[in-house]
C-alpha atoms as a PDB file:
ATOM      1  CA  UNK A   1    -115.819 116.358-115.532  1.00  0.00           C
ATOM      2  CA  UNK A   2    -114.450 115.639-112.012  1.00  0.00           C
ATOM      3  CA  UNK A   3    -111.010 114.145-111.516  1.00  0.00           C
ATOM      4  CA  UNK A   4    -110.919 110.556-110.325  1.00  0.00           C
ATOM      5  CA  UNK A   5    -108.786 109.873-107.283  1.00  0.00           C
ATOM      6  CA  UNK A   6    -106.222 107.146-107.501  1.00  0.00           C
ATOM      7  CA  UNK A   7    -106.725 104.788-104.599  1.00  0.00           C
ATOM      8  CA  UNK A   8    -103.654 102.806-103.583  1.00  0.00           C
ATOM      9  CA  UNK A   9    -103.965  99.207-102.399  1.00  0.00           C
ATOM     10  CA  UNK A  10    -104.202  98.768 -98.620  1.00  0.00           C
ATOM     11  CA  UNK A  11    -100.590  97.598 -98.224  1.00  0.00           C
ATOM     12  CA  UNK A  12     -99.315 100.846 -99.711  1.00  0.00           C
ATOM     13  CA  UNK A  13    -101.119 103.028 -97.177  1.00  0.00           C
ATOM     14  CA  UNK A  14     -99.783 104.099 -93.776  1.00  0.00           C
ATOM     15  CA  UNK A  15    -102.715 103.424 -91.407  1.00  0.00           C
ATOM     16  CA  UNK A  16    -102.935  99.626 -91.704  1.00  0.00           C
ATOM     17  CA  UNK A  17     -99.228  99.319 -90.931  1.00  0.00           C
ATOM     18  CA  UNK A  18     -99.513 101.600 -87.906  1.00  0.00           C
ATOM     19  CA  UNK A  19    -102.413  99.543 -86.569  1.00  0.00           C
ATOM     20  CA  UNK A  20    -100.637  96.229 -87.204  1.00  0.00           C
ATOM     21  CA  UNK A  21     -97.329  97.372 -85.673  1.00  0.00           C
ATOM     22  CA  UNK A  22     -98.559  97.521 -82.042  1.00  0.00           C
ATOM     23  CA  UNK A  23     -99.752  93.904 -81.755  1.00  0.00           C
ATOM     24  CA  UNK A  24     -96.812  92.729 -83.886  1.00  0.00           C
ATOM     25  CA  UNK A  25     -94.285  94.336 -81.508  1.00  0.00           C
ATOM     26  CA  UNK A  26     -96.111  92.821 -78.504  1.00  0.00           C
ATOM     27  CA  UNK A  27     -95.997  89.353 -80.082  1.00  0.00           C
ATOM     28  CA  UNK A  28     -92.290  89.725 -80.822  1.00  0.00           C
ATOM     29  CA  UNK A  29     -91.601  90.794 -77.225  1.00  0.00           C
ATOM     30  CA  UNK A  30     -93.607  87.826 -75.920  1.00  0.00           C
ATOM     31  CA  UNK A  31     -91.687  85.404 -78.143  1.00  0.00           C
ATOM     32  CA  UNK A  32     -88.340  86.823 -76.983  1.00  0.00           C
ATOM     33  CA  UNK A  33     -89.429  86.599 -73.329  1.00  0.00           C
ATOM     34  CA  UNK A  34     -90.496  82.964 -73.709  1.00  0.00           C
ATOM     35  CA  UNK A  35     -87.244  82.113 -75.492  1.00  0.00           C
ATOM     36  CA  UNK A  36     -85.195  83.762 -72.748  1.00  0.00           C
ATOM     37  CA  UNK A  37     -87.180  81.986 -70.037  1.00  0.00           C
ATOM     38  CA  UNK A  38     -86.479  78.565 -71.519  1.00  0.00           C
ATOM     39  CA  UNK A  39     -82.834  79.097 -72.492  1.00  0.00           C
ATOM     40  CA  UNK A  40     -81.415  81.348 -69.778  1.00  0.00           C
ATOM     41  CA  UNK A  41     -83.209  80.242 -66.644  1.00  0.00           C
ATOM     42  CA  UNK A  42     -83.882  76.491 -66.722  1.00  0.00           C
ATOM     43  CA  UNK A  43     -85.406  74.801 -63.712  1.00  0.00           C
ATOM     44  CA  UNK A  44     -82.733  73.775 -61.271  1.00  0.00           C
ATOM     45  CA  UNK A  45     -83.019  70.407 -59.631  1.00  0.00           C
ATOM     46  CA  UNK A  46     -83.564  70.327 -55.882  1.00  0.00           C
ATOM     47  CA  UNK A  47     -80.660  68.861 -53.954  1.00  0.00           C
ATOM     48  CA  UNK A  48     -80.914  65.719 -51.848  1.00  0.00           C
ATOM     49  CA  UNK A  49     -82.251  66.422 -48.401  1.00  0.00           C
ATOM     50  CA  UNK A  50     -84.523  69.224 -49.543  1.00  0.00           C
ATOM     51  CA  UNK A  51     -88.295  68.863 -49.501  1.00  0.00           C
ATOM     52  CA  UNK A  52     -90.586  71.034 -51.551  1.00  0.00           C
ATOM     53  CA  UNK A  53     -94.202  71.415 -50.444  1.00  0.00           C
ATOM     54  CA  UNK A  54     -96.081  73.901 -52.593  1.00  0.00           C
ATOM     55  CA  UNK A  55     -94.125  77.150 -52.628  1.00  0.00           C
ATOM     56  CA  UNK A  56     -92.263  76.322 -49.424  1.00  0.00           C
ATOM     57  CA  UNK A  57     -88.849  74.605 -49.634  1.00  0.00           C
ATOM     58  CA  UNK A  58     -87.504  73.055 -46.439  1.00  0.00           C
ATOM     59  CA  UNK A  59     -84.341  71.191 -45.636  1.00  0.00           C
ATOM     60  CA  UNK A  60     -85.028  67.748 -44.238  1.00  0.00           C
ATOM     61  CA  UNK A  61     -83.150  67.054 -41.003  1.00  0.00           C
ATOM     62  CA  UNK A  62     -81.794  63.570 -40.520  1.00  0.00           C
END
């Protein structure tokens, strides 16, 4: 009579966790980057006398 193998549930095996860890680390890095972008580098207001047209910022001469 052959021995029956004991099969562990999927969460107790190594391979699913190795496959999940890559995208999970990427999502965590993305979340940290977004959080840093909003908290550390807020948009600064443009001073009076400065005109922004597209990507070009010019000082308006009076």
